[in-house]
Amino acid sequence: QVRLVESGGGSVQAGGSLRLSCAPSAYIVNTYCVGWFRQAPGKEREGVAAIYTGGRSTYYSDSVKGRFTISQHNANTLYLQMNSLKPEDTAMYYCAAAAEDCGGDYRLAQESLDRGYWGQGTQVTVSS
């Protein structure tokens, strides 16, 4: 079993930036789909971004495309660089990892992550 620990959340004004990190407890080999979800109070969970560690293919929700960048470094730690933040980005952000590929598109990537391991989340608050 893989434990995931998120960090980097906080409060920022609209237009600002944050970088979230996700540190797995075990080495993530290059056959994993890893990514980020978010959930705001009273709203459904939303997939944000995913990356396949084997080929570096990335997948983003339309709401963050062009503003957020997902990456993996040192063959392990996962990052989510969030720029041009908006108040609607306010949510708890969760890291997830699944021992399978991402399926080739955004929707299949989220389904893969649904079957995987999850962290406890880190809060992001964007004020207007």
Protein backbone atom coordinates (compact mmCIF):
# COMPACT_ATOMS: atom_id res chain seq x y z
CA GLN A 1 0.00 0.00 0.00
CA VAL A 2 1.18 3.52 -0.84
CA ARG A 3 0.59 6.43 1.52
CA LEU A 4 0.47 9.89 -0.01
CA VAL A 5 1.19 13.10 1.91
CA GLU A 6 0.21 16.43 0.40
CA SER A 7 1.69 19.82 1.31
CA GLY A 8 1.88 23.35 -0.05
CA GLY A 9 -1.69 24.48 0.43
CA GLY A 10 -2.53 27.86 1.90
CA SER A 11 -4.28 31.16 1.36
CA VAL A 12 -3.55 33.43 -1.57
CA GLN A 13 -5.19 36.33 -3.34
CA ALA A 14 -6.74 35.95 -6.75
CA GLY A 15 -4.12 35.99 -9.46
CA GLY A 16 -1.51 34.47 -7.19
CA SER A 17 0.28 31.14 -7.35
CA LEU A 18 0.79 28.07 -5.19
CA ARG A 19 2.67 24.83 -5.68
CA LEU A 20 1.29 21.66 -4.15
CA SER A 21 3.53 18.67 -3.45
CA CYS A 22 2.67 15.02 -2.94
CA ALA A 23 5.21 12.66 -1.40
CA PRO A 24 4.52 8.92 -1.68
CA SER A 25 5.69 6.54 1.07
CA ALA A 26 7.00 4.11 -1.54
CA TYR A 27 8.77 4.47 -4.85
CA ILE A 28 6.31 5.08 -7.66
CA VAL A 29 7.53 3.02 -10.58
CA ASN A 30 6.99 4.17 -14.11
CA THR A 31 3.69 2.38 -14.55
CA TYR A 32 1.50 4.57 -12.38
CA CYS A 33 -1.21 7.08 -13.08
CA VAL A 34 -0.85 9.89 -10.52
CA GLY A 35 -2.80 13.09 -10.15
CA TRP A 36 -4.91 15.56 -8.22
CA PHE A 37 -8.57 15.93 -7.32
CA ARG A 38 -10.29 18.77 -5.49
CA GLN A 39 -13.51 19.16 -3.57
CA ALA A 40 -15.12 22.36 -2.37
CA PRO A 41 -17.81 22.41 0.36
CA GLY A 42 -21.18 21.48 -1.07
CA LYS A 43 -19.73 20.56 -4.46
CA GLU A 44 -18.88 17.31 -6.19
CA ARG A 45 -15.32 16.11 -6.36
CA GLU A 46 -13.54 17.28 -9.50
CA GLY A 47 -10.54 15.78 -11.17
CA VAL A 48 -7.91 18.46 -11.73
CA ALA A 49 -4.94 16.88 -13.47
CA ALA A 50 -3.20 13.57 -14.01
CA ILE A 51 0.10 12.29 -15.38
CA TYR A 52 1.24 8.85 -16.46
CA THR A 53 4.68 8.24 -15.00
CA GLY A 54 5.62 5.86 -17.78
CA GLY A 55 5.25 8.25 -20.68
CA ARG A 56 4.67 11.66 -19.05
CA SER A 57 1.33 12.14 -20.79
CA THR A 58 -0.72 14.75 -18.95
CA TYR A 59 -4.46 15.35 -18.62
CA TYR A 60 -6.27 18.44 -17.31
CA SER A 61 -9.80 19.52 -16.58
CA ASP A 62 -11.01 22.38 -18.78
CA SER A 63 -11.35 24.60 -15.71
CA VAL A 64 -7.60 24.59 -15.02
CA LYS A 65 -6.10 24.03 -18.45
CA GLY A 66 -3.49 26.70 -19.18
CA ARG A 67 -3.19 27.72 -15.53
CA PHE A 68 -2.14 24.55 -13.70
CA THR A 69 0.79 22.28 -14.50
CA ILE A 70 1.27 18.76 -13.16
CA SER A 71 4.72 17.23 -12.99
CA GLN A 72 6.70 14.49 -11.32
CA HIS A 73 10.32 14.89 -10.26
CA ASN A 74 13.01 12.62 -8.88
CA ALA A 75 10.92 9.68 -10.05
CA ASN A 76 8.66 10.16 -7.09
CA THR A 77 7.38 13.50 -5.76
CA LEU A 78 4.35 14.83 -7.58
CA TYR A 79 3.74 18.57 -8.01
CA LEU A 80 0.85 20.77 -9.03
CA GLN A 81 1.91 24.29 -10.00
CA MET A 82 -1.15 26.55 -9.82
CA ASN A 83 -0.95 29.98 -11.43
CA SER A 84 -3.54 32.71 -12.01
CA LEU A 85 -5.60 31.35 -9.15
CA LYS A 86 -9.28 32.24 -8.93
CA PRO A 87 -11.68 32.19 -5.97
CA GLU A 88 -13.45 29.22 -7.60
CA ASP A 89 -10.21 27.23 -7.20
CA THR A 90 -10.81 27.23 -3.44
CA ALA A 91 -11.09 23.59 -2.32
CA MET A 92 -9.40 20.73 -0.53
CA TYR A 93 -6.88 19.23 -2.94
CA TYR A 94 -6.12 15.51 -2.83
CA CYS A 95 -3.26 13.58 -4.38
CA ALA A 96 -4.00 10.13 -5.83
CA ALA A 97 -1.96 7.32 -7.35
CA ALA A 98 -3.05 4.15 -9.17
CA ALA A 99 -0.87 1.22 -10.27
CA GLU A 100 -2.12 1.34 -13.84
CA ASP A 101 -1.89 3.64 -16.83
CA CYS A 102 -4.10 6.69 -17.20
CA GLY A 103 -6.15 5.25 -20.03
CA GLY A 104 -5.30 7.86 -22.64
CA ASP A 105 -7.67 10.70 -21.81
CA TYR A 106 -8.84 12.91 -18.95
CA ARG A 107 -11.99 10.95 -18.08
CA LEU A 108 -10.24 7.57 -18.06
CA ALA A 109 -7.40 9.05 -16.00
CA GLN A 110 -9.86 10.11 -13.30
CA GLU A 111 -11.43 6.63 -13.33
CA SER A 112 -7.96 5.11 -12.88
CA LEU A 113 -7.21 7.39 -9.94
CA ASP A 114 -10.57 6.55 -8.36
CA ARG A 115 -9.30 2.98 -8.00
CA GLY A 116 -6.00 3.99 -6.41
CA TYR A 117 -4.50 5.40 -3.22
CA TRP A 118 -5.43 8.81 -1.81
CA GLY A 119 -3.83 11.33 0.50
CA GLN A 120 -5.50 13.29 3.30
CA GLY A 121 -5.66 16.54 1.36
CA THR A 122 -4.34 20.07 1.62
CA GLN A 123 -6.54 23.17 1.72
CA VAL A 124 -6.26 25.91 -0.91
CA THR A 125 -8.12 29.17 -0.31
CA VAL A 126 -8.19 31.95 -2.91
CA SER A 127 -9.62 35.31 -1.89
CA SER A 128 -10.94 37.91 -4.29
